[in-house]
């Protein structure tokens, strides 16, 4: 589970649940929720959160039970990086 701070100052966790299916694979949240999660991350934490997501994928890249989550972690990291590059609060030019 990867955590960061939300815009409201609360904890934000991905994935929110480690529930598994009958084969033991961790159930990924709906893909439609990823843009909402990326939008909820504190602007100053975007790149750090993306880095932590990518490190999580790297640590669990050979574990089949994490495969669906790993795909979503990479997509969420991409969304966070895109937002960081377009958000002036992160220190990057628009």
N, C-alpha and C. Protein backbone atom coordinates (compact mmCIF):
# COMPACT_ATOMS: atom_id res chain seq x y z
N UNK A 1 0.85 -1.17 0.00
CA UNK A 1 0.00 0.00 0.00
C UNK A 1 0.90 1.24 0.00
N UNK A 2 0.60 2.17 -0.88
CA UNK A 2 1.36 3.40 -0.99
C UNK A 2 0.51 4.54 -0.44
N UNK A 3 1.09 5.36 0.40
CA UNK A 3 0.34 6.42 1.07
C UNK A 3 0.94 7.79 0.78
N UNK A 4 0.09 8.79 0.85
CA UNK A 4 0.51 10.19 0.73
C UNK A 4 -0.52 11.05 1.43
N UNK A 5 -0.37 12.35 1.30
CA UNK A 5 -1.30 13.30 1.92
C UNK A 5 -2.22 13.87 0.84
N UNK A 6 -3.49 13.97 1.17
CA UNK A 6 -4.46 14.54 0.23
C UNK A 6 -4.48 16.05 0.36
N UNK A 7 -5.20 16.70 -0.53
CA UNK A 7 -5.35 18.15 -0.49
C UNK A 7 -5.98 18.58 0.83
N UNK A 8 -6.88 17.76 1.37
CA UNK A 8 -7.53 18.08 2.64
C UNK A 8 -6.63 17.82 3.84
N UNK A 9 -5.44 17.28 3.61
CA UNK A 9 -4.52 16.99 4.70
C UNK A 9 -4.71 15.61 5.32
N UNK A 10 -5.56 14.81 4.73
CA UNK A 10 -5.83 13.46 5.23
C UNK A 10 -4.94 12.46 4.50
N UNK A 11 -4.85 11.27 5.06
CA UNK A 11 -4.09 10.21 4.42
C UNK A 11 -4.80 9.70 3.18
N UNK A 12 -4.03 9.40 2.16
CA UNK A 12 -4.56 8.87 0.90
C UNK A 12 -3.76 7.61 0.60
N UNK A 13 -4.44 6.49 0.45
CA UNK A 13 -3.77 5.20 0.29
C UNK A 13 -4.15 4.56 -1.05
N UNK A 14 -3.17 3.95 -1.69
CA UNK A 14 -3.44 3.20 -2.91
C UNK A 14 -2.69 1.88 -2.86
N UNK A 15 -3.36 0.78 -3.06
CA UNK A 15 -4.81 0.63 -3.13
C UNK A 15 -5.43 0.80 -1.76
N UNK A 16 -6.68 1.17 -1.76
CA UNK A 16 -7.37 1.41 -0.49
C UNK A 16 -7.65 0.10 0.24
N UNK A 17 -7.74 -0.98 -0.50
CA UNK A 17 -8.03 -2.28 0.09
C UNK A 17 -7.10 -3.33 -0.50
N UNK A 18 -6.74 -4.31 0.30
CA UNK A 18 -5.92 -5.42 -0.19
C UNK A 18 -6.76 -6.70 -0.30
N UNK A 19 -8.03 -6.52 -0.62
CA UNK A 19 -8.93 -7.67 -0.80
C UNK A 19 -8.46 -8.50 -1.99
N UNK A 20 -8.60 -9.80 -1.88
CA UNK A 20 -8.16 -10.70 -2.95
C UNK A 20 -9.34 -11.48 -3.51
N UNK A 21 -9.15 -11.95 -4.74
CA UNK A 21 -10.17 -12.82 -5.33
C UNK A 21 -9.88 -14.26 -4.91
N UNK A 22 -10.63 -15.19 -5.47
CA UNK A 22 -10.48 -16.59 -5.06
C UNK A 22 -9.12 -17.20 -5.43
N UNK A 23 -8.43 -16.60 -6.40
CA UNK A 23 -7.11 -17.12 -6.77
C UNK A 23 -5.97 -16.43 -6.02
N UNK A 24 -6.30 -15.47 -5.15
CA UNK A 24 -5.28 -14.80 -4.35
C UNK A 24 -4.73 -13.53 -4.96
N UNK A 25 -5.25 -13.13 -6.12
CA UNK A 25 -4.80 -11.88 -6.76
C UNK A 25 -5.51 -10.71 -6.09
N UNK A 26 -4.75 -9.68 -5.78
CA UNK A 26 -5.33 -8.50 -5.15
C UNK A 26 -6.24 -7.79 -6.15
N UNK A 27 -7.44 -7.48 -5.72
CA UNK A 27 -8.43 -6.86 -6.59
C UNK A 27 -8.12 -5.38 -6.74
N UNK A 28 -7.95 -4.96 -7.97
CA UNK A 28 -7.65 -3.55 -8.25
C UNK A 28 -8.94 -2.73 -8.23
N UNK A 29 -8.84 -1.48 -7.79
CA UNK A 29 -10.02 -0.62 -7.83
C UNK A 29 -10.38 -0.30 -9.28
N UNK A 30 -11.58 0.19 -9.52
CA UNK A 30 -11.96 0.54 -10.90
C UNK A 30 -11.00 1.58 -11.49
N UNK A 31 -10.65 1.40 -12.73
CA UNK A 31 -9.69 2.29 -13.41
C UNK A 31 -10.20 3.73 -13.45
N UNK A 32 -11.52 3.91 -13.40
CA UNK A 32 -12.11 5.25 -13.45
C UNK A 32 -11.78 6.07 -12.21
N UNK A 33 -11.35 5.42 -11.14
CA UNK A 33 -11.05 6.15 -9.90
C UNK A 33 -9.65 6.76 -9.91
N UNK A 34 -8.78 6.33 -10.81
CA UNK A 34 -7.40 6.82 -10.81
C UNK A 34 -7.29 8.33 -11.02
N UNK A 35 -8.01 8.93 -11.99
CA UNK A 35 -7.91 10.39 -12.12
C UNK A 35 -8.38 11.14 -10.87
N UNK A 36 -9.37 10.59 -10.19
CA UNK A 36 -9.84 11.24 -8.95
C UNK A 36 -8.79 11.14 -7.85
N UNK A 37 -8.09 10.02 -7.80
CA UNK A 37 -7.03 9.87 -6.80
C UNK A 37 -5.89 10.84 -7.10
N UNK A 38 -5.48 10.92 -8.37
CA UNK A 38 -4.40 11.83 -8.75
C UNK A 38 -4.78 13.28 -8.46
N UNK A 39 -6.04 13.62 -8.65
CA UNK A 39 -6.50 14.99 -8.39
C UNK A 39 -6.55 15.30 -6.90
N UNK A 40 -6.64 14.27 -6.07
CA UNK A 40 -6.76 14.48 -4.62
C UNK A 40 -5.41 14.59 -3.92
N UNK A 41 -4.32 14.28 -4.61
CA UNK A 41 -2.99 14.32 -3.99
C UNK A 41 -2.55 15.77 -3.79
N UNK A 42 -1.98 16.04 -2.63
CA UNK A 42 -1.42 17.36 -2.32
C UNK A 42 -0.40 17.72 -3.42
N UNK A 43 -0.51 18.91 -4.02
CA UNK A 43 0.38 19.26 -5.14
C UNK A 43 1.87 19.11 -4.84
N UNK A 44 2.28 19.42 -3.64
CA UNK A 44 3.71 19.31 -3.32
C UNK A 44 4.15 17.86 -3.15
N UNK A 45 3.22 16.94 -3.09
CA UNK A 45 3.53 15.52 -2.89
C UNK A 45 3.42 14.70 -4.16
N UNK A 46 3.05 15.32 -5.27
CA UNK A 46 2.78 14.57 -6.50
C UNK A 46 3.97 13.73 -6.97
N UNK A 47 5.13 14.35 -7.09
CA UNK A 47 6.28 13.62 -7.60
C UNK A 47 6.78 12.58 -6.61
N UNK A 48 6.73 12.90 -5.35
CA UNK A 48 7.14 11.94 -4.33
C UNK A 48 6.21 10.73 -4.34
N UNK A 49 4.91 10.97 -4.46
CA UNK A 49 3.94 9.89 -4.51
C UNK A 49 4.16 9.04 -5.77
N UNK A 50 4.40 9.68 -6.90
CA UNK A 50 4.67 8.94 -8.14
C UNK A 50 5.91 8.07 -7.98
N UNK A 51 6.93 8.61 -7.36
CA UNK A 51 8.16 7.84 -7.14
C UNK A 51 7.88 6.62 -6.26
N UNK A 52 7.10 6.80 -5.23
CA UNK A 52 6.78 5.69 -4.34
C UNK A 52 5.93 4.64 -5.04
N UNK A 53 5.02 5.08 -5.91
CA UNK A 53 4.22 4.13 -6.68
C UNK A 53 5.12 3.28 -7.58
N UNK A 54 6.06 3.92 -8.25
CA UNK A 54 6.96 3.21 -9.16
C UNK A 54 7.87 2.25 -8.38
N UNK A 55 8.34 2.68 -7.23
CA UNK A 55 9.16 1.78 -6.40
C UNK A 55 8.35 0.57 -5.94
N UNK A 56 7.08 0.78 -5.64
CA UNK A 56 6.22 -0.34 -5.25
C UNK A 56 6.07 -1.35 -6.37
N UNK A 57 5.95 -0.86 -7.59
CA UNK A 57 5.86 -1.75 -8.76
C UNK A 57 7.16 -2.53 -8.89
N UNK A 58 8.27 -1.85 -8.75
CA UNK A 58 9.56 -2.50 -8.90
C UNK A 58 9.76 -3.60 -7.85
N UNK A 59 9.35 -3.34 -6.62
CA UNK A 59 9.51 -4.34 -5.56
C UNK A 59 8.65 -5.58 -5.80
N UNK A 60 7.50 -5.39 -6.41
CA UNK A 60 6.56 -6.50 -6.55
C UNK A 60 6.35 -6.95 -8.00
N UNK A 61 7.30 -6.65 -8.85
CA UNK A 61 7.13 -6.92 -10.27
C UNK A 61 7.04 -8.41 -10.61
N UNK A 62 7.56 -9.28 -9.78
CA UNK A 62 7.53 -10.71 -10.06
C UNK A 62 6.44 -11.45 -9.28
N UNK A 63 5.62 -10.71 -8.56
CA UNK A 63 4.56 -11.33 -7.77
C UNK A 63 3.23 -11.21 -8.51
N UNK A 64 2.72 -12.32 -8.98
CA UNK A 64 1.50 -12.31 -9.78
C UNK A 64 0.31 -11.73 -9.04
N UNK A 65 0.27 -11.89 -7.74
CA UNK A 65 -0.90 -11.38 -7.00
C UNK A 65 -0.99 -9.86 -7.05
N UNK A 66 0.11 -9.18 -7.37
CA UNK A 66 0.13 -7.72 -7.45
C UNK A 66 0.01 -7.21 -8.89
N UNK A 67 -0.16 -8.06 -9.87
CA UNK A 67 -0.09 -7.64 -11.27
C UNK A 67 -1.11 -6.56 -11.63
N UNK A 68 -2.35 -6.72 -11.23
CA UNK A 68 -3.37 -5.71 -11.56
C UNK A 68 -3.09 -4.39 -10.85
N UNK A 69 -2.65 -4.47 -9.61
CA UNK A 69 -2.33 -3.26 -8.85
C UNK A 69 -1.11 -2.57 -9.47
N UNK A 70 -0.13 -3.34 -9.90
CA UNK A 70 1.07 -2.74 -10.49
C UNK A 70 0.74 -1.95 -11.75
N UNK A 71 -0.14 -2.48 -12.58
CA UNK A 71 -0.55 -1.74 -13.78
C UNK A 71 -1.20 -0.42 -13.40
N UNK A 72 -2.05 -0.46 -12.40
CA UNK A 72 -2.72 0.76 -11.98
C UNK A 72 -1.77 1.72 -11.27
N UNK A 73 -0.80 1.20 -10.55
CA UNK A 73 0.19 2.07 -9.93
C UNK A 73 0.95 2.87 -10.99
N UNK A 74 1.32 2.20 -12.07
CA UNK A 74 2.04 2.90 -13.13
C UNK A 74 1.16 3.96 -13.79
N UNK A 75 -0.09 3.64 -14.01
CA UNK A 75 -1.00 4.62 -14.60
C UNK A 75 -1.22 5.79 -13.65
N UNK A 76 -1.38 5.51 -12.37
CA UNK A 76 -1.56 6.58 -11.39
C UNK A 76 -0.30 7.44 -11.30
N UNK A 77 0.86 6.83 -11.37
CA UNK A 77 2.12 7.59 -11.36
C UNK A 77 2.18 8.50 -12.59
N UNK A 78 1.76 7.99 -13.74
CA UNK A 78 1.74 8.81 -14.96
C UNK A 78 0.81 10.01 -14.80
N UNK A 79 -0.36 9.78 -14.22
CA UNK A 79 -1.31 10.87 -14.00
C UNK A 79 -0.75 11.90 -13.02
N UNK A 80 -0.07 11.44 -11.99
CA UNK A 80 0.51 12.36 -11.02
C UNK A 80 1.63 13.19 -11.65
N UNK A 81 2.45 12.56 -12.47
CA UNK A 81 3.53 13.29 -13.14
C UNK A 81 2.95 14.32 -14.11
N UNK A 82 1.93 13.93 -14.85
CA UNK A 82 1.29 14.87 -15.78
C UNK A 82 0.70 16.06 -15.02
N UNK A 83 0.08 15.79 -13.90
CA UNK A 83 -0.49 16.89 -13.10
C UNK A 83 0.62 17.77 -12.52
N UNK A 84 1.70 17.16 -12.08
CA UNK A 84 2.81 17.93 -11.51
C UNK A 84 3.42 18.86 -12.56
N UNK A 85 3.48 18.40 -13.78
CA UNK A 85 4.07 19.22 -14.84
C UNK A 85 3.16 20.36 -15.25
N UNK A 86 1.87 20.23 -15.00
CA UNK A 86 0.94 21.29 -15.40
C UNK A 86 0.46 22.15 -14.24
N UNK A 87 0.83 21.78 -13.01
CA UNK A 87 0.36 22.50 -11.83
C UNK A 87 1.45 23.45 -11.33
N UNK A 88 1.19 24.76 -11.32
CA UNK A 88 2.23 25.71 -10.90
C UNK A 88 2.62 25.58 -9.43
N UNK A 89 1.79 24.97 -8.60
CA UNK A 89 2.11 24.82 -7.18
C UNK A 89 3.23 23.82 -6.93
N UNK A 90 3.56 23.01 -7.92
CA UNK A 90 4.60 22.01 -7.74
C UNK A 90 5.98 22.55 -8.07
N UNK A 91 6.05 23.73 -8.65
CA UNK A 91 7.34 24.32 -8.98
C UNK A 91 7.77 24.13 -10.41
N UNK A 92 6.97 23.42 -11.21
CA UNK A 92 7.29 23.24 -12.62
C UNK A 92 6.58 24.29 -13.45
N UNK A 93 7.17 24.73 -14.54
CA UNK A 93 6.47 25.67 -15.42
C UNK A 93 5.30 24.99 -16.11
N UNK A 94 4.28 25.75 -16.40
CA UNK A 94 3.09 25.19 -17.05
C UNK A 94 3.34 24.92 -18.51
